[in-house]
Amino acid sequence: MAMIITERASEELNKKIGDQKGYLKIQNVMEGLACGAGVPTLHFVPTRDETQDILFETNDRPVLLEKSKIIFFDDKDLKIDYSDSVNSFQLKSPQQIINGRMSFIMNNII
């Protein structure tokens, strides 16, 4: 699996993150959902849990993905994009838009 961040997404991430240290992480939010997969959400976290997270190098900055959720993405090349028309990040693969309105959450950044 490969992962890229588009130039447009990189611009928005830089606006939101600035010079803070941490990692981007695709995390599946499952609150209130009946399905087991969850909804991919983009988080900015202060640290990496090496026992739980896989680090993917991208063209822009590293992205973490939970080991337990890799099964949902392992056969896809992922792209993190930003859509101006919906003012939101998007997670895409060549086959589909996985989340067209992906939330961005800053987690406990100091």
PDB file of N, CA and C in Angstrom:
ATOM      1  N   MET A   1       0.839  -1.172   0.000  1.00  0.00           N
ATOM      2  CA  MET A   1       0.000   0.000   0.000  1.00  0.00           C
ATOM      3  C   MET A   1       0.891   1.244   0.000  1.00  0.00           C
ATOM      4  N   ALA A   2       0.523   2.197  -0.806  1.00  0.00           N
ATOM      5  CA  ALA A   2       1.214   3.482  -0.853  1.00  0.00           C
ATOM      6  C   ALA A   2       0.242   4.562  -0.390  1.00  0.00           C
ATOM      7  N   MET A   3       0.791   5.662   0.111  1.00  0.00           N
ATOM      8  CA  MET A   3      -0.049   6.753   0.571  1.00  0.00           C
ATOM      9  C   MET A   3       0.577   8.070   0.123  1.00  0.00           C
ATOM     10  N   ILE A   4      -0.261   8.951  -0.423  1.00  0.00           N
ATOM     11  CA  ILE A   4       0.209  10.282  -0.806  1.00  0.00           C
ATOM     12  C   ILE A   4      -0.712  11.347  -0.225  1.00  0.00           C
ATOM     13  N   ILE A   5      -0.176  12.545  -0.093  1.00  0.00           N
ATOM     14  CA  ILE A   5      -0.933  13.704   0.356  1.00  0.00           C
ATOM     15  C   ILE A   5      -0.863  14.718  -0.779  1.00  0.00           C
ATOM     16  N   THR A   6      -2.017  15.147  -1.267  1.00  0.00           N
ATOM     17  CA  THR A   6      -2.019  16.093  -2.375  1.00  0.00           C
ATOM     18  C   THR A   6      -1.483  17.448  -1.914  1.00  0.00           C
ATOM     19  N   GLU A   7      -1.087  18.246  -2.869  1.00  0.00           N
ATOM     20  CA  GLU A   7      -0.572  19.584  -2.572  1.00  0.00           C
ATOM     21  C   GLU A   7      -1.623  20.419  -1.846  1.00  0.00           C
ATOM     22  N   ARG A   8      -2.867  20.299  -2.287  1.00  0.00           N
ATOM     23  CA  ARG A   8      -3.958  21.070  -1.665  1.00  0.00           C
ATOM     24  C   ARG A   8      -4.169  20.638  -0.214  1.00  0.00           C
ATOM     25  N   ALA A   9      -4.139  19.338   0.047  1.00  0.00           N
ATOM     26  CA  ALA A   9      -4.286  18.837   1.417  1.00  0.00           C
ATOM     27  C   ALA A   9      -3.107  19.293   2.274  1.00  0.00           C
ATOM     28  N   SER A  10      -1.918  19.276   1.710  1.00  0.00           N
ATOM     29  CA  SER A  10      -0.725  19.708   2.432  1.00  0.00           C
ATOM     30  C   SER A  10      -0.843  21.173   2.859  1.00  0.00           C
ATOM     31  N   GLU A  11      -1.364  22.019   1.988  1.00  0.00           N
ATOM     32  CA  GLU A  11      -1.561  23.430   2.309  1.00  0.00           C
ATOM     33  C   GLU A  11      -2.489  23.587   3.514  1.00  0.00           C
ATOM     34  N   GLU A  12      -3.604  22.863   3.510  1.00  0.00           N
ATOM     35  CA  GLU A  12      -4.567  22.955   4.613  1.00  0.00           C
ATOM     36  C   GLU A  12      -3.995  22.388   5.903  1.00  0.00           C
ATOM     37  N   LEU A  13      -3.255  21.291   5.787  1.00  0.00           N
ATOM     38  CA  LEU A  13      -2.628  20.711   6.980  1.00  0.00           C
ATOM     39  C   LEU A  13      -1.628  21.682   7.594  1.00  0.00           C
ATOM     40  N   ASN A  14      -0.839  22.331   6.765  1.00  0.00           N
ATOM     41  CA  ASN A  14       0.134  23.300   7.264  1.00  0.00           C
ATOM     42  C   ASN A  14      -0.553  24.463   7.977  1.00  0.00           C
ATOM     43  N   LYS A  15      -1.723  24.900   7.493  1.00  0.00           N
ATOM     44  CA  LYS A  15      -2.481  25.965   8.149  1.00  0.00           C
ATOM     45  C   LYS A  15      -2.943  25.517   9.531  1.00  0.00           C
ATOM     46  N   LYS A  16      -3.391  24.278   9.629  1.00  0.00           N
ATOM     47  CA  LYS A  16      -3.961  23.779  10.881  1.00  0.00           C
ATOM     48  C   LYS A  16      -2.895  23.363  11.893  1.00  0.00           C
ATOM     49  N   ILE A  17      -1.819  22.771  11.420  1.00  0.00           N
ATOM     50  CA  ILE A  17      -0.806  22.203  12.301  1.00  0.00           C
ATOM     51  C   ILE A  17       0.302  23.205  12.625  1.00  0.00           C
ATOM     52  N   GLY A  18       0.669  24.016  11.645  1.00  0.00           N
ATOM     53  CA  GLY A  18       1.764  24.962  11.848  1.00  0.00           C
ATOM     54  C   GLY A  18       3.061  24.227  12.117  1.00  0.00           C
ATOM     55  N   ASP A  19       3.785  24.644  13.145  1.00  0.00           N
ATOM     56  CA  ASP A  19       5.074  24.027  13.449  1.00  0.00           C
ATOM     57  C   ASP A  19       5.000  23.043  14.621  1.00  0.00           C
ATOM     58  N   GLN A  20       3.793  22.613  14.959  1.00  0.00           N
ATOM     59  CA  GLN A  20       3.629  21.660  16.055  1.00  0.00           C
ATOM     60  C   GLN A  20       4.238  20.304  15.687  1.00  0.00           C
ATOM     61  N   LYS A  21       4.795  19.644  16.676  1.00  0.00           N
ATOM     62  CA  LYS A  21       5.376  18.316  16.485  1.00  0.00           C
ATOM     63  C   LYS A  21       4.300  17.267  16.716  1.00  0.00           C
ATOM     64  N   GLY A  22       4.294  16.240  15.874  1.00  0.00           N
ATOM     65  CA  GLY A  22       3.320  15.166  16.019  1.00  0.00           C
ATOM     66  C   GLY A  22       3.173  14.394  14.729  1.00  0.00           C
ATOM     67  N   TYR A  23       2.122  13.612  14.657  1.00  0.00           N
ATOM     68  CA  TYR A  23       1.881  12.723  13.520  1.00  0.00           C
ATOM     69  C   TYR A  23       0.452  12.855  13.027  1.00  0.00           C
ATOM     70  N   LEU A  24       0.278  12.743  11.730  1.00  0.00           N
ATOM     71  CA  LEU A  24      -1.052  12.540  11.168  1.00  0.00           C
ATOM     72  C   LEU A  24      -1.406  11.083  11.388  1.00  0.00           C
ATOM     73  N   LYS A  25      -2.671  10.817  11.689  1.00  0.00           N
ATOM     74  CA  LYS A  25      -3.103   9.441  11.909  1.00  0.00           C
ATOM     75  C   LYS A  25      -4.501   9.266  11.338  1.00  0.00           C
ATOM     76  N   ILE A  26      -4.669   8.240  10.518  1.00  0.00           N
ATOM     77  CA  ILE A  26      -5.996   7.864  10.042  1.00  0.00           C
ATOM     78  C   ILE A  26      -6.539   6.878  11.071  1.00  0.00           C
ATOM     79  N   GLN A  27      -7.612   7.291  11.724  1.00  0.00           N
ATOM     80  CA  GLN A  27      -8.186   6.490  12.790  1.00  0.00           C
ATOM     81  C   GLN A  27      -9.666   6.289  12.495  1.00  0.00           C
ATOM     82  N   ASN A  28     -10.140   5.085  12.678  1.00  0.00           N
ATOM     83  CA  ASN A  28     -11.545   4.802  12.422  1.00  0.00           C
ATOM     84  C   ASN A  28     -12.385   5.105  13.652  1.00  0.00           C
ATOM     85  N   VAL A  29     -13.334   6.029  13.503  1.00  0.00           N
ATOM     86  CA  VAL A  29     -14.252   6.376  14.574  1.00  0.00           C
ATOM     87  C   VAL A  29     -15.445   5.436  14.469  1.00  0.00           C
ATOM     88  N   MET A  30     -15.772   4.778  15.589  1.00  0.00           N
ATOM     89  CA  MET A  30     -16.839   3.781  15.546  1.00  0.00           C
ATOM     90  C   MET A  30     -18.000   4.125  16.472  1.00  0.00           C
ATOM     91  N   GLU A  31     -17.941   5.258  17.171  1.00  0.00           N
ATOM     92  CA  GLU A  31     -19.018   5.639  18.084  1.00  0.00           C
ATOM     93  C   GLU A  31     -20.335   5.786  17.337  1.00  0.00           C
ATOM     94  N   GLY A  32     -21.348   5.134  17.840  1.00  0.00           N
ATOM     95  CA  GLY A  32     -22.685   5.259  17.279  1.00  0.00           C
ATOM     96  C   GLY A  32     -22.905   4.515  15.981  1.00  0.00           C
ATOM     97  N   LEU A  33     -21.938   3.702  15.557  1.00  0.00           N
ATOM     98  CA  LEU A  33     -22.083   2.965  14.310  1.00  0.00           C
ATOM     99  C   LEU A  33     -22.325   1.489  14.585  1.00  0.00           C
ATOM    100  N   ALA A  34     -23.147   0.872  13.762  1.00  0.00           N
ATOM    101  CA  ALA A  34     -23.429  -0.557  13.918  1.00  0.00           C
ATOM    102  C   ALA A  34     -22.394  -1.416  13.196  1.00  0.00           C
ATOM    103  N   CYS A  35     -21.738  -0.855  12.191  1.00  0.00           N
ATOM    104  CA  CYS A  35     -20.765  -1.640  11.435  1.00  0.00           C
ATOM    105  C   CYS A  35     -19.442  -1.723  12.193  1.00  0.00           C
ATOM    106  N   GLY A  36     -18.619  -2.694  11.864  1.00  0.00           N
ATOM    107  CA  GLY A  36     -17.360  -2.888  12.568  1.00  0.00           C
ATOM    108  C   GLY A  36     -16.203  -2.078  12.026  1.00  0.00           C
ATOM    109  N   ALA A  37     -16.318  -1.550  10.827  1.00  0.00           N
ATOM    110  CA  ALA A  37     -15.185  -0.873  10.191  1.00  0.00           C
ATOM    111  C   ALA A  37     -14.986   0.551  10.698  1.00  0.00           C
ATOM    112  N   GLY A  38     -16.055   1.273  10.917  1.00  0.00           N
ATOM    113  CA  GLY A  38     -15.948   2.652  11.356  1.00  0.00           C
ATOM    114  C   GLY A  38     -15.766   3.612  10.204  1.00  0.00           C
ATOM    115  N   VAL A  39     -15.634   4.887  10.540  1.00  0.00           N
ATOM    116  CA  VAL A  39     -15.482   5.954   9.561  1.00  0.00           C
ATOM    117  C   VAL A  39     -14.073   6.530   9.702  1.00  0.00           C
ATOM    118  N   PRO A  40     -13.261   6.492   8.636  1.00  0.00           N
ATOM    119  CA  PRO A  40     -11.902   7.038   8.726  1.00  0.00           C
ATOM    120  C   PRO A  40     -11.930   8.538   9.031  1.00  0.00           C
ATOM    121  N   THR A  41     -11.134   8.918  10.023  1.00  0.00           N
ATOM    122  CA  THR A  41     -11.025  10.299  10.462  1.00  0.00           C
ATOM    123  C   THR A  41      -9.546  10.645  10.539  1.00  0.00           C
ATOM    124  N   LEU A  42      -9.203  11.874  10.203  1.00  0.00           N
ATOM    125  CA  LEU A  42      -7.816  12.319  10.225  1.00  0.00           C
ATOM    126  C   LEU A  42      -7.529  13.027  11.540  1.00  0.00           C
ATOM    127  N   HIS A  43      -6.569  12.502  12.276  1.00  0.00           N
ATOM    128  CA  HIS A  43      -6.189  13.063  13.567  1.00  0.00           C
ATOM    129  C   HIS A  43      -4.753  13.586  13.487  1.00  0.00           C
ATOM    130  N   PHE A  44      -4.431  14.551  14.332  1.00  0.00           N
ATOM    131  CA  PHE A  44      -3.056  14.955  14.542  1.00  0.00           C
ATOM    132  C   PHE A  44      -2.756  14.628  15.988  1.00  0.00           C
ATOM    133  N   VAL A  45      -1.848  13.669  16.206  1.00  0.00           N
ATOM    134  CA  VAL A  45      -1.560  13.155  17.545  1.00  0.00           C
ATOM    135  C   VAL A  45      -0.127  13.499  17.935  1.00  0.00           C
ATOM    136  N   PRO A  46       0.137  13.650  19.241  1.00  0.00           N
ATOM    137  CA  PRO A  46       1.468  14.063  19.683  1.00  0.00           C
ATOM    138  C   PRO A  46       2.520  12.962  19.605  1.00  0.00           C
ATOM    139  N   THR A  47       2.093  11.706  19.741  1.00  0.00           N
ATOM    140  CA  THR A  47       3.056  10.610  19.781  1.00  0.00           C
ATOM    141  C   THR A  47       2.561   9.422  18.962  1.00  0.00           C
ATOM    142  N   ARG A  48       3.498   8.526  18.716  1.00  0.00           N
ATOM    143  CA  ARG A  48       3.209   7.289  17.997  1.00  0.00           C
ATOM    144  C   ARG A  48       3.247   6.129  18.984  1.00  0.00           C
ATOM    145  N   ASP A  49       2.252   5.255  18.921  1.00  0.00           N
ATOM    146  CA  ASP A  49       2.245   4.027  19.712  1.00  0.00           C
ATOM    147  C   ASP A  49       2.791   2.931  18.804  1.00  0.00           C
ATOM    148  N   GLU A  50       4.065   2.611  18.964  1.00  0.00           N
ATOM    149  CA  GLU A  50       4.722   1.657  18.062  1.00  0.00           C
ATOM    150  C   GLU A  50       4.120   0.260  18.133  1.00  0.00           C
ATOM    151  N   THR A  51       3.414  -0.053  19.212  1.00  0.00           N
ATOM    152  CA  THR A  51       2.782  -1.370  19.307  1.00  0.00           C
ATOM    153  C   THR A  51       1.459  -1.420  18.551  1.00  0.00           C
ATOM    154  N   GLN A  52       0.851  -0.251  18.317  1.00  0.00           N
ATOM    155  CA  GLN A  52      -0.471  -0.207  17.692  1.00  0.00           C
ATOM    156  C   GLN A  52      -0.499   0.441  16.303  1.00  0.00           C
ATOM    157  N   ASP A  53       0.519   1.247  15.977  1.00  0.00           N
ATOM    158  CA  ASP A  53       0.486   2.039  14.746  1.00  0.00           C
ATOM    159  C   ASP A  53       1.549   1.606  13.742  1.00  0.00           C
ATOM    160  N   ILE A  54       1.180   1.659  12.465  1.00  0.00           N
ATOM    161  CA  ILE A  54       2.118   1.458  11.363  1.00  0.00           C
ATOM    162  C   ILE A  54       2.400   2.829  10.768  1.00  0.00           C
ATOM    163  N   LEU A  55       3.677   3.124  10.533  1.00  0.00           N
ATOM    164  CA  LEU A  55       4.080   4.413   9.986  1.00  0.00           C
ATOM    165  C   LEU A  55       4.266   4.290   8.480  1.00  0.00           C
ATOM    166  N   PHE A  56       3.559   5.130   7.729  1.00  0.00           N
ATOM    167  CA  PHE A  56       3.692   5.173   6.276  1.00  0.00           C
ATOM    168  C   PHE A  56       4.372   6.469   5.887  1.00  0.00           C
ATOM    169  N   GLU A  57       5.441   6.364   5.132  1.00  0.00           N
ATOM    170  CA  GLU A  57       6.087   7.556   4.584  1.00  0.00           C
ATOM    171  C   GLU A  57       5.264   7.992   3.371  1.00  0.00           C
ATOM    172  N   THR A  58       5.080   9.291   3.235  1.00  0.00           N
ATOM    173  CA  THR A  58       4.357   9.836   2.094  1.00  0.00           C
ATOM    174  C   THR A  58       5.255  10.850   1.403  1.00  0.00           C
ATOM    175  N   ASN A  59       4.734  11.484   0.392  1.00  0.00           N
ATOM    176  CA  ASN A  59       5.453  12.530  -0.310  1.00  0.00           C
ATOM    177  C   ASN A  59       5.548  13.815   0.511  1.00  0.00           C
ATOM    178  N   ASP A  60       4.803  13.904   1.616  1.00  0.00           N
ATOM    179  CA  ASP A  60       4.736  15.145   2.387  1.00  0.00           C
ATOM    180  C   ASP A  60       5.170  14.963   3.837  1.00  0.00           C
ATOM    181  N   ARG A  61       4.468  14.160   4.588  1.00  0.00           N
ATOM    182  CA  ARG A  61       4.761  13.904   6.000  1.00  0.00           C
ATOM    183  C   ARG A  61       4.286  12.501   6.337  1.00  0.00           C
ATOM    184  N   PRO A  62       4.861  11.876   7.374  1.00  0.00           N
ATOM    185  CA  PRO A  62       4.455  10.512   7.725  1.00  0.00           C
ATOM    186  C   PRO A  62       3.004  10.461   8.207  1.00  0.00           C
ATOM    187  N   VAL A  63       2.357   9.331   7.954  1.00  0.00           N
ATOM    188  CA  VAL A  63       0.976   9.109   8.383  1.00  0.00           C
ATOM    189  C   VAL A  63       0.918   7.775   9.117  1.00  0.00           C
ATOM    190  N   LEU A  64       0.224   7.773  10.242  1.00  0.00           N
ATOM    191  CA  LEU A  64       0.034   6.551  11.019  1.00  0.00           C
ATOM    192  C   LEU A  64      -1.308   5.912  10.660  1.00  0.00           C
ATOM    193  N   LEU A  65      -1.336   4.588  10.754  1.00  0.00           N
ATOM    194  CA  LEU A  65      -2.564   3.829  10.574  1.00  0.00           C
ATOM    195  C   LEU A  65      -2.555   2.720  11.613  1.00  0.00           C
ATOM    196  N   GLU A  66      -3.672   2.505  12.279  1.00  0.00           N
ATOM    197  CA  GLU A  66      -3.745   1.472  13.299  1.00  0.00           C
ATOM    198  C   GLU A  66      -3.559   0.090  12.678  1.00  0.00           C
ATOM    199  N   LYS A  67      -2.704  -0.717  13.283  1.00  0.00           N
ATOM    200  CA  LYS A  67      -2.445  -2.066  12.778  1.00  0.00           C
ATOM    201  C   LYS A  67      -3.736  -2.871  12.653  1.00  0.00           C
ATOM    202  N   SER A  68      -4.627  -2.725  13.611  1.00  0.00           N
ATOM    203  CA  SER A  68      -5.863  -3.512  13.613  1.00  0.00           C
ATOM    204  C   SER A  68      -6.817  -3.108  12.487  1.00  0.00           C
ATOM    205  N   LYS A  69      -6.605  -1.948  11.874  1.00  0.00           N
ATOM    206  CA  LYS A  69      -7.500  -1.479  10.800  1.00  0.00           C
ATOM    207  C   LYS A  69      -6.881  -1.616   9.416  1.00  0.00           C
ATOM    208  N   ILE A  70      -5.651  -2.092   9.344  1.00  0.00           N
ATOM    209  CA  ILE A  70      -4.966  -2.197   8.051  1.00  0.00           C
ATOM    210  C   ILE A  70      -5.727  -3.104   7.083  1.00  0.00           C
ATOM    211  N   ILE A  71      -6.450  -4.060   7.609  1.00  0.00           N
ATOM    212  CA  ILE A  71      -7.208  -4.981   6.761  1.00  0.00           C
ATOM    213  C   ILE A  71      -8.215  -4.246   5.871  1.00  0.00           C
ATOM    214  N   PHE A  72      -8.709  -3.106   6.325  1.00  0.00           N
ATOM    215  CA  PHE A  72      -9.686  -2.344   5.551  1.00  0.00           C
ATOM    216  C   PHE A  72      -9.045  -1.550   4.416  1.00  0.00           C
ATOM    217  N   PHE A  73      -7.703  -1.403   4.457  1.00  0.00           N
ATOM    218  CA  PHE A  73      -7.011  -0.574   3.473  1.00  0.00           C
ATOM    219  C   PHE A  73      -5.894  -1.289   2.729  1.00  0.00           C
ATOM    220  N   ASP A  74      -5.531  -2.513   3.095  1.00  0.00           N
ATOM    221  CA  ASP A  74      -4.285  -3.118   2.636  1.00  0.00           C
ATOM    222  C   ASP A  74      -4.165  -3.323   1.134  1.00  0.00           C
ATOM    223  N   ASP A  75      -5.254  -3.351   0.418  1.00  0.00           N
ATOM    224  CA  ASP A  75      -5.149  -3.548  -1.026  1.00  0.00           C
ATOM    225  C   ASP A  75      -5.353  -2.241  -1.800  1.00  0.00           C
ATOM    226  N   LYS A  76      -5.289  -1.129  -1.110  1.00  0.00           N
ATOM    227  CA  LYS A  76      -5.557   0.160  -1.751  1.00  0.00           C
ATOM    228  C   LYS A  76      -4.351   1.089  -1.654  1.00  0.00           C
ATOM    229  N   ASP A  77      -4.171   1.901  -2.670  1.00  0.00           N
ATOM    230  CA  ASP A  77      -3.260   3.034  -2.580  1.00  0.00           C
ATOM    231  C   ASP A  77      -4.116   4.198  -2.114  1.00  0.00           C
ATOM    232  N   LEU A  78      -3.721   4.833  -1.034  1.00  0.00           N
ATOM    233  CA  LEU A  78      -4.535   5.877  -0.425  1.00  0.00           C
ATOM    234  C   LEU A  78      -4.017   7.268  -0.758  1.00  0.00           C
ATOM    235  N   LYS A  79      -4.962   8.185  -0.892  1.00  0.00           N
ATOM    236  CA  LYS A  79      -4.640   9.582  -1.146  1.00  0.00           C
ATOM    237  C   LYS A  79      -5.437  10.440  -0.166  1.00  0.00           C
ATOM    238  N   ILE A  80      -4.717  11.314   0.553  1.00  0.00           N
ATOM    239  CA  ILE A  80      -5.373  12.303   1.393  1.00  0.00           C
ATOM    240  C   ILE A  80      -5.441  13.578   0.572  1.00  0.00           C
ATOM    241  N   ASP A  81      -6.654  14.059   0.344  1.00  0.00           N
ATOM    242  CA  ASP A  81      -6.885  15.222  -0.501  1.00  0.00           C
ATOM    243  C   ASP A  81      -7.699  16.237   0.293  1.00  0.00           C
ATOM    244  N   TYR A  82      -7.874  17.417  -0.284  1.00  0.00           N
ATOM    245  CA  TYR A  82      -8.728  18.432   0.323  1.00  0.00           C
ATOM    246  C   TYR A  82      -9.644  18.977  -0.757  1.00  0.00           C
ATOM    247  N   SER A  83     -10.934  19.054  -0.450  1.00  0.00           N
ATOM    248  CA  SER A  83     -11.910  19.586  -1.395  1.00  0.00           C
ATOM    249  C   SER A  83     -12.368  20.958  -0.936  1.00  0.00           C
ATOM    250  N   ASP A  84     -12.142  21.963  -1.777  1.00  0.00           N
ATOM    251  CA  ASP A  84     -12.606  23.309  -1.462  1.00  0.00           C
ATOM    252  C   ASP A  84     -14.126  23.399  -1.536  1.00  0.00           C
ATOM    253  N   SER A  85     -14.747  22.588  -2.386  1.00  0.00           N
ATOM    254  CA  SER A  85     -16.203  22.668  -2.552  1.00  0.00           C
ATOM    255  C   SER A  85     -16.957  22.200  -1.308  1.00  0.00           C
ATOM    256  N   VAL A  86     -16.368  21.315  -0.519  1.00  0.00           N
ATOM    257  CA  VAL A  86     -17.022  20.861   0.717  1.00  0.00           C
ATOM    258  C   VAL A  86     -16.222  21.260   1.958  1.00  0.00           C
ATOM    259  N   ASN A  87     -15.122  22.013   1.754  1.00  0.00           N
ATOM    260  CA  ASN A  87     -14.256  22.456   2.852  1.00  0.00           C
ATOM    261  C   ASN A  87     -13.893  21.310   3.791  1.00  0.00           C
ATOM    262  N   SER A  88     -13.381  20.241   3.196  1.00  0.00           N
ATOM    263  CA  SER A  88     -13.098  19.067   4.000  1.00  0.00           C
ATOM    264  C   SER A  88     -11.985  18.234   3.375  1.00  0.00           C
ATOM    265  N   PHE A  89     -11.286  17.501   4.245  1.00  0.00           N
ATOM    266  CA  PHE A  89     -10.330  16.524   3.764  1.00  0.00           C
ATOM    267  C   PHE A  89     -11.084  15.339   3.198  1.00  0.00           C
ATOM    268  N   GLN A  90     -10.423  14.602   2.315  1.00  0.00           N
ATOM    269  CA  GLN A  90     -11.013  13.420   1.716  1.00  0.00           C
ATOM    270  C   GLN A  90      -9.984  12.303   1.707  1.00  0.00           C
ATOM    271  N   LEU A  91     -10.462  11.087   1.897  1.00  0.00           N
ATOM    272  CA  LEU A  91      -9.622   9.905   1.788  1.00  0.00           C
ATOM    273  C   LEU A  91     -10.101   9.128   0.579  1.00  0.00           C
ATOM    274  N   LYS A  92      -9.182   8.926  -0.375  1.00  0.00           N
ATOM    275  CA  LYS A  92      -9.542   8.301  -1.645  1.00  0.00           C
ATOM    276  C   LYS A  92      -8.610   7.136  -1.955  1.00  0.00           C
ATOM    277  N   SER A  93      -9.118   6.243  -2.780  1.00  0.00           N
ATOM    278  CA  SER A  93      -8.297   5.208  -3.397  1.00  0.00           C
ATOM    279  C   SER A  93      -8.595   5.284  -4.886  1.00  0.00           C
ATOM    280  N   PRO A  94      -7.836   4.585  -5.733  1.00  0.00           N
ATOM    281  CA  PRO A  94      -8.151   4.622  -7.160  1.00  0.00           C
ATOM    282  C   PRO A  94      -9.555   4.091  -7.484  1.00  0.00           C
ATOM    283  N   GLN A  95     -10.095   3.263  -6.591  1.00  0.00           N
ATOM    284  CA  GLN A  95     -11.397   2.656  -6.839  1.00  0.00           C
ATOM    285  C   GLN A  95     -12.572   3.455  -6.290  1.00  0.00           C
ATOM    286  N   GLN A  96     -12.332   4.290  -5.247  1.00  0.00           N
ATOM    287  CA  GLN A  96     -13.471   4.932  -4.604  1.00  0.00           C
ATOM    288  C   GLN A  96     -13.051   6.109  -3.723  1.00  0.00           C
ATOM    289  N   ILE A  97     -14.039   6.898  -3.347  1.00  0.00           N
ATOM    290  CA  ILE A  97     -13.845   7.881  -2.289  1.00  0.00           C
ATOM    291  C   ILE A  97     -14.236   7.159  -1.008  1.00  0.00           C
ATOM    292  N   ILE A  98     -13.290   6.973  -0.126  1.00  0.00           N
ATOM    293  CA  ILE A  98     -13.525   6.224   1.108  1.00  0.00           C
ATOM    294  C   ILE A  98     -14.254   7.097   2.124  1.00  0.00           C
ATOM    295  N   ASN A  99     -13.844   8.356   2.241  1.00  0.00           N
ATOM    296  CA  ASN A  99     -14.550   9.321   3.082  1.00  0.00           C
ATOM    297  C   ASN A  99     -14.426  10.688   2.421  1.00  0.00           C
ATOM    298  N   GLY A 100     -15.522  11.177   1.879  1.00  0.00           N
ATOM    299  CA  GLY A 100     -15.532  12.440   1.147  1.00  0.00           C
ATOM    300  C   GLY A 100     -15.590  13.668   2.026  1.00  0.00           C
ATOM    301  N   ARG A 101     -15.849  13.486   3.311  1.00  0.00           N
ATOM    302  CA  ARG A 101     -15.901  14.601   4.271  1.00  0.00           C
ATOM    303  C   ARG A 101     -15.217  14.151   5.554  1.00  0.00           C
ATOM    304  N   MET A 102     -13.903  13.933   5.436  1.00  0.00           N
ATOM    305  CA  MET A 102     -13.141  13.395   6.543  1.00  0.00           C
ATOM    306  C   MET A 102     -12.819  14.487   7.559  1.00  0.00           C
ATOM    307  N   SER A 103     -13.245  14.258   8.784  1.00  0.00           N
ATOM    308  CA  SER A 103     -12.975  15.200   9.870  1.00  0.00           C
ATOM    309  C   SER A 103     -11.493  15.267  10.169  1.00  0.00           C
ATOM    310  N   PHE A 104     -11.056  16.424  10.668  1.00  0.00           N
ATOM    311  CA  PHE A 104      -9.686  16.610  11.131  1.00  0.00           C
ATOM    312  C   PHE A 104      -9.755  16.988  12.598  1.00  0.00           C
ATOM    313  N   ILE A 105      -9.053  16.224  13.450  1.00  0.00           N
ATOM    314  CA  ILE A 105      -9.112  16.426  14.896  1.00  0.00           C
ATOM    315  C   ILE A 105      -7.696  16.566  15.442  1.00  0.00           C
ATOM    316  N   MET A 106      -7.471  17.596  16.233  1.00  0.00           N
ATOM    317  CA  MET A 106      -6.182  17.783  16.927  1.00  0.00           C
ATOM    318  C   MET A 106      -6.310  17.091  18.282  1.00  0.00           C
ATOM    319  N   ASN A 107      -5.447  16.113  18.532  1.00  0.00           N
ATOM    320  CA  ASN A 107      -5.505  15.330  19.773  1.00  0.00           C
ATOM    321  C   ASN A 107      -4.432  15.754  20.756  1.00  0.00           C
ATOM    322  N   ASN A 108      -4.806  16.362  21.854  1.00  0.00           N
ATOM    323  CA  ASN A 108      -3.910  16.652  22.982  1.00  0.00           C
ATOM    324  C   ASN A 108      -2.554  17.203  22.585  1.00  0.00           C
ATOM    325  N   ILE A 109      -2.539  18.170  21.715  1.00  0.00           N
ATOM    326  CA  ILE A 109      -1.297  18.809  21.303  1.00  0.00           C
ATOM    327  C   ILE A 109      -1.031  19.973  22.245  1.00  0.00           C
ATOM    328  N   ILE A 110       0.193  20.051  22.710  1.00  0.00           N
ATOM    329  CA  ILE A 110       0.560  21.133  23.642  1.00  0.00           C
ATOM    330  C   ILE A 110       1.359  22.185  22.906  1.00  0.00           C
TER     331      ILE A 110
END
